[in-house]
Structure formats: structure tokens, C-alpha cells
């Protein structure tokens, strides 16, 4: 199972010296990441801050930076933050399992997603 994914930001993070950092890596989130972020005082004061704190926990690397802090996430351009939010959502969404079935009428084989969370 793949747990880390590379990315390249559309605009990039500009550090204090003016250098642009675009490439990085994001790992899958754990339940602990989400719990710690939800308990963060900044999030308790402003729930929309959750994304910033959570991304700072799951981004493991940005080219040329020692650490990826909340401050780095705060300084991103909105296009880059939206890009990372979308990536986070895509890599952490549950992929439903697939089962091969055969149509009883025509005999053609199909793949069907199995959704265990759907009510009976």
C-alpha cells in the first residue's frame, strides 16, 4: 500500500529569502493526525484553521525546507492551499472494493464497487 505521495505546487511557497519551494511529499493521514489537529487551540478558536494544522502534520517534506510548519502553510498562496486540500482529500478517501460479476442475461463480465456503508 502506498502511504506517501509526491506533489508539485502550482505557485510554490516563497521563503524569507525569496526562494520558491514547489516540490514535496504528503503522507496518508492517521486518526491521530485528525484528533491532534481538532484539539489544537487555533482550531478551537477558528474551525477553518483545521486544514492548515492538518496539512502541516501530513506534509513530510518540501524541497529546500528543514520542516513544514503551520507558519509555512499560512504563507502559501490560496491556489497552493486549495491544491493541497484537494490532494489530501483524494489520497485519504476510501476506495471502495471491487467485485467482478457476470450479467445473468448477457453473460458479460462487469466490475462493481461494493459499498459496505450503504444501508440495507
C-alpha atoms as a PDB file:
ATOM      1  CA  UNK A   1       0.000   0.000   0.000  1.00  0.00           C
ATOM      2  CA  UNK A   2       1.330   3.404  -0.962  1.00  0.00           C
ATOM      3  CA  UNK A   3       1.473   5.799   2.005  1.00  0.00           C
ATOM      4  CA  UNK A   4       3.424   8.803   0.634  1.00  0.00           C
ATOM      5  CA  UNK A   5       2.731  10.853  -2.474  1.00  0.00           C
ATOM      6  CA  UNK A   6       4.850  13.437  -4.256  1.00  0.00           C
ATOM      7  CA  UNK A   7       3.445  16.787  -5.336  1.00  0.00           C
ATOM      8  CA  UNK A   8       4.428  19.967  -7.115  1.00  0.00           C
ATOM      9  CA  UNK A   9       2.614  23.132  -6.093  1.00  0.00           C
ATOM     10  CA  UNK A  10       1.176  25.326  -8.850  1.00  0.00           C
ATOM     11  CA  UNK A  11       2.786  28.506  -7.461  1.00  0.00           C
ATOM     12  CA  UNK A  12       5.054  27.446  -4.619  1.00  0.00           C
ATOM     13  CA  UNK A  13       5.976  28.651  -1.156  1.00  0.00           C
ATOM     14  CA  UNK A  14       8.165  31.768  -1.127  1.00  0.00           C
ATOM     15  CA  UNK A  15      10.515  31.790   1.870  1.00  0.00           C
ATOM     16  CA  UNK A  16      12.017  34.877   3.562  1.00  0.00           C
ATOM     17  CA  UNK A  17      14.946  34.955   1.130  1.00  0.00           C
ATOM     18  CA  UNK A  18      12.595  34.897  -1.882  1.00  0.00           C
ATOM     19  CA  UNK A  19      13.340  31.302  -2.862  1.00  0.00           C
ATOM     20  CA  UNK A  20      10.363  29.336  -4.243  1.00  0.00           C
ATOM     21  CA  UNK A  21       9.690  25.793  -2.974  1.00  0.00           C
ATOM     22  CA  UNK A  22       7.300  23.717  -5.084  1.00  0.00           C
ATOM     23  CA  UNK A  23       8.088  20.014  -4.686  1.00  0.00           C
ATOM     24  CA  UNK A  24       7.152  17.975  -1.652  1.00  0.00           C
ATOM     25  CA  UNK A  25       5.662  14.816  -0.220  1.00  0.00           C
ATOM     26  CA  UNK A  26       2.422  14.157   1.620  1.00  0.00           C
ATOM     27  CA  UNK A  27       1.661  11.018   3.610  1.00  0.00           C
ATOM     28  CA  UNK A  28      -1.671   9.431   4.383  1.00  0.00           C
ATOM     29  CA  UNK A  29      -3.358  10.879   7.453  1.00  0.00           C
ATOM     30  CA  UNK A  30      -3.898   8.868  10.601  1.00  0.00           C
ATOM     31  CA  UNK A  31      -6.741   9.123  13.077  1.00  0.00           C
ATOM     32  CA  UNK A  32      -4.209  10.673  15.450  1.00  0.00           C
ATOM     33  CA  UNK A  33      -3.401  13.439  12.954  1.00  0.00           C
ATOM     34  CA  UNK A  34      -7.037  14.418  12.772  1.00  0.00           C
ATOM     35  CA  UNK A  35      -7.565  14.212  16.542  1.00  0.00           C
ATOM     36  CA  UNK A  36      -4.489  16.280  17.385  1.00  0.00           C
ATOM     37  CA  UNK A  37      -5.416  18.899  14.782  1.00  0.00           C
ATOM     38  CA  UNK A  38      -9.002  19.087  16.057  1.00  0.00           C
ATOM     39  CA  UNK A  39      -7.733  19.737  19.624  1.00  0.00           C
ATOM     40  CA  UNK A  40      -5.281  22.448  18.562  1.00  0.00           C
ATOM     41  CA  UNK A  41      -6.140  25.764  20.318  1.00  0.00           C
ATOM     42  CA  UNK A  42      -6.029  27.634  16.985  1.00  0.00           C
ATOM     43  CA  UNK A  43      -8.646  25.258  15.582  1.00  0.00           C
ATOM     44  CA  UNK A  44     -10.807  25.545  18.704  1.00  0.00           C
ATOM     45  CA  UNK A  45     -10.803  29.338  18.233  1.00  0.00           C
ATOM     46  CA  UNK A  46     -11.319  29.162  14.463  1.00  0.00           C
ATOM     47  CA  UNK A  47     -12.519  25.818  12.994  1.00  0.00           C
ATOM     48  CA  UNK A  48     -11.476  26.813   9.464  1.00  0.00           C
ATOM     49  CA  UNK A  49      -7.866  26.636  10.724  1.00  0.00           C
ATOM     50  CA  UNK A  50      -8.166  22.827  10.818  1.00  0.00           C
ATOM     51  CA  UNK A  51      -6.907  22.470   7.245  1.00  0.00           C
ATOM     52  CA  UNK A  52      -3.751  24.468   7.948  1.00  0.00           C
ATOM     53  CA  UNK A  53      -2.859  22.455  11.055  1.00  0.00           C
ATOM     54  CA  UNK A  54      -3.712  19.116   9.466  1.00  0.00           C
ATOM     55  CA  UNK A  55      -1.675  19.770   6.323  1.00  0.00           C
ATOM     56  CA  UNK A  56       1.325  20.817   8.418  1.00  0.00           C
ATOM     57  CA  UNK A  57       1.189  17.362  10.040  1.00  0.00           C
ATOM     58  CA  UNK A  58       0.875  15.237   6.880  1.00  0.00           C
ATOM     59  CA  UNK A  59       3.276  17.098   4.573  1.00  0.00           C
ATOM     60  CA  UNK A  60       6.500  15.316   5.356  1.00  0.00           C
ATOM     61  CA  UNK A  61       8.810  17.259   3.095  1.00  0.00           C
ATOM     62  CA  UNK A  62       9.092  20.386   0.981  1.00  0.00           C
ATOM     63  CA  UNK A  63      12.193  20.699  -1.142  1.00  0.00           C
ATOM     64  CA  UNK A  64      14.722  23.007   0.495  1.00  0.00           C
ATOM     65  CA  UNK A  65      12.937  23.363   3.866  1.00  0.00           C
ATOM     66  CA  UNK A  66      14.023  21.767   7.122  1.00  0.00           C
ATOM     67  CA  UNK A  67      10.473  21.452   8.415  1.00  0.00           C
ATOM     68  CA  UNK A  68       6.959  22.129   7.201  1.00  0.00           C
ATOM     69  CA  UNK A  69       5.314  24.150   9.935  1.00  0.00           C
ATOM     70  CA  UNK A  70       1.921  25.752  10.406  1.00  0.00           C
ATOM     71  CA  UNK A  71       3.626  29.043   9.516  1.00  0.00           C
ATOM     72  CA  UNK A  72       4.640  27.627   6.100  1.00  0.00           C
ATOM     73  CA  UNK A  73       1.032  26.561   5.460  1.00  0.00           C
ATOM     74  CA  UNK A  74      -0.212  30.036   6.465  1.00  0.00           C
ATOM     75  CA  UNK A  75       2.111  31.664   3.933  1.00  0.00           C
ATOM     76  CA  UNK A  76       1.001  29.551   0.956  1.00  0.00           C
ATOM     77  CA  UNK A  77      -0.875  31.180  -1.896  1.00  0.00           C
ATOM     78  CA  UNK A  78      -4.551  30.233  -1.894  1.00  0.00           C
ATOM     79  CA  UNK A  79      -4.127  28.241  -5.132  1.00  0.00           C
ATOM     80  CA  UNK A  80      -1.465  26.094  -3.446  1.00  0.00           C
ATOM     81  CA  UNK A  81      -3.553  25.579  -0.320  1.00  0.00           C
ATOM     82  CA  UNK A  82      -6.530  24.514  -2.472  1.00  0.00           C
ATOM     83  CA  UNK A  83      -4.241  22.148  -4.406  1.00  0.00           C
ATOM     84  CA  UNK A  84      -3.032  20.521  -1.165  1.00  0.00           C
ATOM     85  CA  UNK A  85      -6.564  20.277   0.258  1.00  0.00           C
ATOM     86  CA  UNK A  86      -7.691  18.512  -2.905  1.00  0.00           C
ATOM     87  CA  UNK A  87      -4.707  16.167  -2.804  1.00  0.00           C
ATOM     88  CA  UNK A  88      -5.339  15.390   0.879  1.00  0.00           C
ATOM     89  CA  UNK A  89      -8.950  14.532   0.094  1.00  0.00           C
ATOM     90  CA  UNK A  90      -8.034  12.322  -2.865  1.00  0.00           C
ATOM     91  CA  UNK A  91      -5.310  10.282  -1.178  1.00  0.00           C
ATOM     92  CA  UNK A  92      -7.255   9.803   2.065  1.00  0.00           C
ATOM     93  CA  UNK A  93     -10.633   8.911   0.580  1.00  0.00           C
ATOM     94  CA  UNK A  94     -11.659   5.317   0.919  1.00  0.00           C
ATOM     95  CA  UNK A  95     -11.513   3.410  -2.331  1.00  0.00           C
ATOM     96  CA  UNK A  96     -14.401   1.009  -2.367  1.00  0.00           C
ATOM     97  CA  UNK A  97     -13.519  -2.622  -3.095  1.00  0.00           C
ATOM     98  CA  UNK A  98     -14.444  -4.004  -6.494  1.00  0.00           C
ATOM     99  CA  UNK A  99     -16.065  -7.340  -7.238  1.00  0.00           C
ATOM    100  CA  UNK A 100     -16.344  -8.998 -10.649  1.00  0.00           C
ATOM    101  CA  UNK A 101     -19.885 -10.017 -11.549  1.00  0.00           C
ATOM    102  CA  UNK A 102     -21.431 -11.695 -14.577  1.00  0.00           C
ATOM    103  CA  UNK A 103     -24.697 -10.439 -16.030  1.00  0.00           C
ATOM    104  CA  UNK A 104     -27.178 -13.335 -15.962  1.00  0.00           C
ATOM    105  CA  UNK A 105     -28.881 -12.076 -19.143  1.00  0.00           C
ATOM    106  CA  UNK A 106     -25.959 -11.425 -21.493  1.00  0.00           C
ATOM    107  CA  UNK A 107     -23.078 -13.222 -19.762  1.00  0.00           C
ATOM    108  CA  UNK A 108     -20.852 -10.122 -19.903  1.00  0.00           C
ATOM    109  CA  UNK A 109     -18.425  -9.592 -17.002  1.00  0.00           C
ATOM    110  CA  UNK A 110     -18.508  -6.250 -15.117  1.00  0.00           C
ATOM    111  CA  UNK A 111     -16.692  -4.732 -12.137  1.00  0.00           C
ATOM    112  CA  UNK A 112     -18.970  -3.355  -9.430  1.00  0.00           C
ATOM    113  CA  UNK A 113     -17.897  -1.308  -6.387  1.00  0.00           C
ATOM    114  CA  UNK A 114     -19.011  -2.741  -3.062  1.00  0.00           C
ATOM    115  CA  UNK A 115     -20.176  -0.097  -0.584  1.00  0.00           C
ATOM    116  CA  UNK A 116     -20.339  -1.592   2.916  1.00  0.00           C
ATOM    117  CA  UNK A 117     -21.558   1.689   4.391  1.00  0.00           C
ATOM    118  CA  UNK A 118     -24.750   1.852   2.352  1.00  0.00           C
ATOM    119  CA  UNK A 119     -27.879   0.954   4.311  1.00  0.00           C
ATOM    120  CA  UNK A 120     -29.654  -2.306   3.538  1.00  0.00           C
END
